[in-house]
Amino acid sequence: MMHVHIPAHGLVRTTIKVPSALQKGDVIPRTWLALPRTKAAAIARDLPWYFTGEPCPHGHVSIRKVTCSGCPACRREGRG
């Protein structure tokens, strides 16, 4: 289970090391925590995005798109 501190500005700063690529002090948008953790769960809920908390093959910890499993950071870098 991930324990987080949620400040008013809408970003989340992790307060403990979690069993994923997220480390103590990493900042992630609050909305990502509300997303399904798996692609299958996102598909079942008819959502376009999911968040695993694990890095993509290029090391980005970001949301992923259901249609291609790619992350927005890779797409910005021309990798996805």
C-alpha atoms as a PDB file:
ATOM      1  CA  MET A   1       0.000   0.000   0.000  1.00  0.00           C
ATOM      2  CA  MET A   2       1.280   3.448  -0.906  1.00  0.00           C
ATOM      3  CA  HIS A   3       1.149   6.083   1.832  1.00  0.00           C
ATOM      4  CA  VAL A   4       1.161   9.623   0.519  1.00  0.00           C
ATOM      5  CA  HIS A   5       0.878  13.174   1.732  1.00  0.00           C
ATOM      6  CA  ILE A   6      -1.581  15.134  -0.430  1.00  0.00           C
ATOM      7  CA  PRO A   7      -0.991  18.893  -0.245  1.00  0.00           C
ATOM      8  CA  ALA A   8      -3.573  21.403  -1.428  1.00  0.00           C
ATOM      9  CA  HIS A   9      -1.739  22.198  -4.692  1.00  0.00           C
ATOM     10  CA  GLY A  10      -2.819  18.886  -6.256  1.00  0.00           C
ATOM     11  CA  LEU A  11       0.546  17.142  -6.403  1.00  0.00           C
ATOM     12  CA  VAL A  12       1.386  14.145  -4.281  1.00  0.00           C
ATOM     13  CA  ARG A  13       4.736  13.674  -2.585  1.00  0.00           C
ATOM     14  CA  THR A  14       5.385  10.077  -1.555  1.00  0.00           C
ATOM     15  CA  THR A  15       6.340   9.746   2.091  1.00  0.00           C
ATOM     16  CA  ILE A  16       7.670   6.179   2.108  1.00  0.00           C
ATOM     17  CA  LYS A  17       9.462   3.922  -0.323  1.00  0.00           C
ATOM     18  CA  VAL A  18       6.836   2.002  -2.236  1.00  0.00           C
ATOM     19  CA  PRO A  19       7.276  -1.354  -4.034  1.00  0.00           C
ATOM     20  CA  SER A  20       7.742   0.298  -7.417  1.00  0.00           C
ATOM     21  CA  ALA A  21       9.981   2.803  -9.139  1.00  0.00           C
ATOM     22  CA  LEU A  22       8.595   5.641  -7.039  1.00  0.00           C
ATOM     23  CA  GLN A  23      10.979   6.757  -4.337  1.00  0.00           C
ATOM     24  CA  LYS A  24      10.482   8.795  -1.195  1.00  0.00           C
ATOM     25  CA  GLY A  25      10.018  12.415  -2.186  1.00  0.00           C
ATOM     26  CA  ASP A  26       8.894  11.788  -5.771  1.00  0.00           C
ATOM     27  CA  VAL A  27       6.090  14.097  -6.857  1.00  0.00           C
ATOM     28  CA  ILE A  28       3.219  12.766  -8.940  1.00  0.00           C
ATOM     29  CA  PRO A  29      -0.121  14.337  -9.870  1.00  0.00           C
ATOM     30  CA  ARG A  30      -2.940  13.424  -7.503  1.00  0.00           C
ATOM     31  CA  THR A  31      -5.151  12.372 -10.412  1.00  0.00           C
ATOM     32  CA  TRP A  32      -2.746   9.552 -11.332  1.00  0.00           C
ATOM     33  CA  LEU A  33      -3.467   7.782  -8.030  1.00  0.00           C
ATOM     34  CA  ALA A  34      -7.151   7.582  -8.953  1.00  0.00           C
ATOM     35  CA  LEU A  35      -6.381   5.750 -12.203  1.00  0.00           C
ATOM     36  CA  PRO A  36      -6.513   1.951 -12.491  1.00  0.00           C
ATOM     37  CA  ARG A  37      -3.226   0.149 -11.770  1.00  0.00           C
ATOM     38  CA  THR A  38      -3.466  -2.168 -14.793  1.00  0.00           C
ATOM     39  CA  LYS A  39      -4.303  -1.873 -18.466  1.00  0.00           C
ATOM     40  CA  ALA A  40      -6.998  -4.544 -18.091  1.00  0.00           C
ATOM     41  CA  ALA A  41      -8.683  -2.605 -15.280  1.00  0.00           C
ATOM     42  CA  ALA A  42      -8.634   0.590 -17.349  1.00  0.00           C
ATOM     43  CA  ILE A  43     -10.181  -1.238 -20.310  1.00  0.00           C
ATOM     44  CA  ALA A  44     -12.870  -2.716 -18.051  1.00  0.00           C
ATOM     45  CA  ARG A  45     -13.706   0.784 -16.783  1.00  0.00           C
ATOM     46  CA  ASP A  46     -13.533   2.231 -20.327  1.00  0.00           C
ATOM     47  CA  LEU A  47     -10.761   4.659 -19.389  1.00  0.00           C
ATOM     48  CA  PRO A  48      -8.027   5.814 -21.793  1.00  0.00           C
ATOM     49  CA  TRP A  49      -5.210   5.933 -19.182  1.00  0.00           C
ATOM     50  CA  TYR A  50      -3.802   3.846 -16.320  1.00  0.00           C
ATOM     51  CA  PHE A  51      -0.943   4.280 -13.826  1.00  0.00           C
ATOM     52  CA  THR A  52       1.216   1.376 -12.663  1.00  0.00           C
ATOM     53  CA  GLY A  53       3.823   3.318 -10.710  1.00  0.00           C
ATOM     54  CA  GLU A  54       6.456   1.329 -12.594  1.00  0.00           C
ATOM     55  CA  PRO A  55       8.858   2.852 -15.136  1.00  0.00           C
ATOM     56  CA  CYS A  56       8.402   2.416 -18.869  1.00  0.00           C
ATOM     57  CA  PRO A  57      11.270   0.756 -20.789  1.00  0.00           C
ATOM     58  CA  HIS A  58      12.962   4.186 -20.996  1.00  0.00           C
ATOM     59  CA  GLY A  59      12.716   4.863 -17.257  1.00  0.00           C
ATOM     60  CA  HIS A  60       9.773   7.287 -17.104  1.00  0.00           C
ATOM     61  CA  VAL A  61       7.316   6.862 -14.236  1.00  0.00           C
ATOM     62  CA  SER A  62       4.159   8.192 -15.820  1.00  0.00           C
ATOM     63  CA  ILE A  63       0.614   7.367 -16.821  1.00  0.00           C
ATOM     64  CA  ARG A  64       0.204   5.025 -19.781  1.00  0.00           C
ATOM     65  CA  LYS A  65      -2.248   4.999 -22.648  1.00  0.00           C
ATOM     66  CA  VAL A  66      -4.503   1.937 -22.975  1.00  0.00           C
ATOM     67  CA  THR A  67      -4.293   1.826 -26.777  1.00  0.00           C
ATOM     68  CA  CYS A  68      -0.506   1.503 -26.945  1.00  0.00           C
ATOM     69  CA  SER A  69       0.806   1.168 -23.353  1.00  0.00           C
ATOM     70  CA  GLY A  70       3.080   4.105 -24.108  1.00  0.00           C
ATOM     71  CA  CYS A  71       3.876   6.957 -21.757  1.00  0.00           C
ATOM     72  CA  PRO A  72       3.525  10.666 -22.660  1.00  0.00           C
ATOM     73  CA  ALA A  73       7.190  11.364 -21.871  1.00  0.00           C
ATOM     74  CA  CYS A  74       8.334   8.835 -24.477  1.00  0.00           C
ATOM     75  CA  ARG A  75       5.924  10.309 -26.985  1.00  0.00           C
ATOM     76  CA  ARG A  76       7.315  13.826 -26.345  1.00  0.00           C
ATOM     77  CA  GLU A  77      10.823  12.446 -26.920  1.00  0.00           C
ATOM     78  CA  GLY A  78       9.725  10.831 -30.192  1.00  0.00           C
ATOM     79  CA  ARG A  79      10.053   7.277 -28.842  1.00  0.00           C
ATOM     80  CA  GLY A  80       6.435   6.269 -28.769  1.00  0.00           C
END
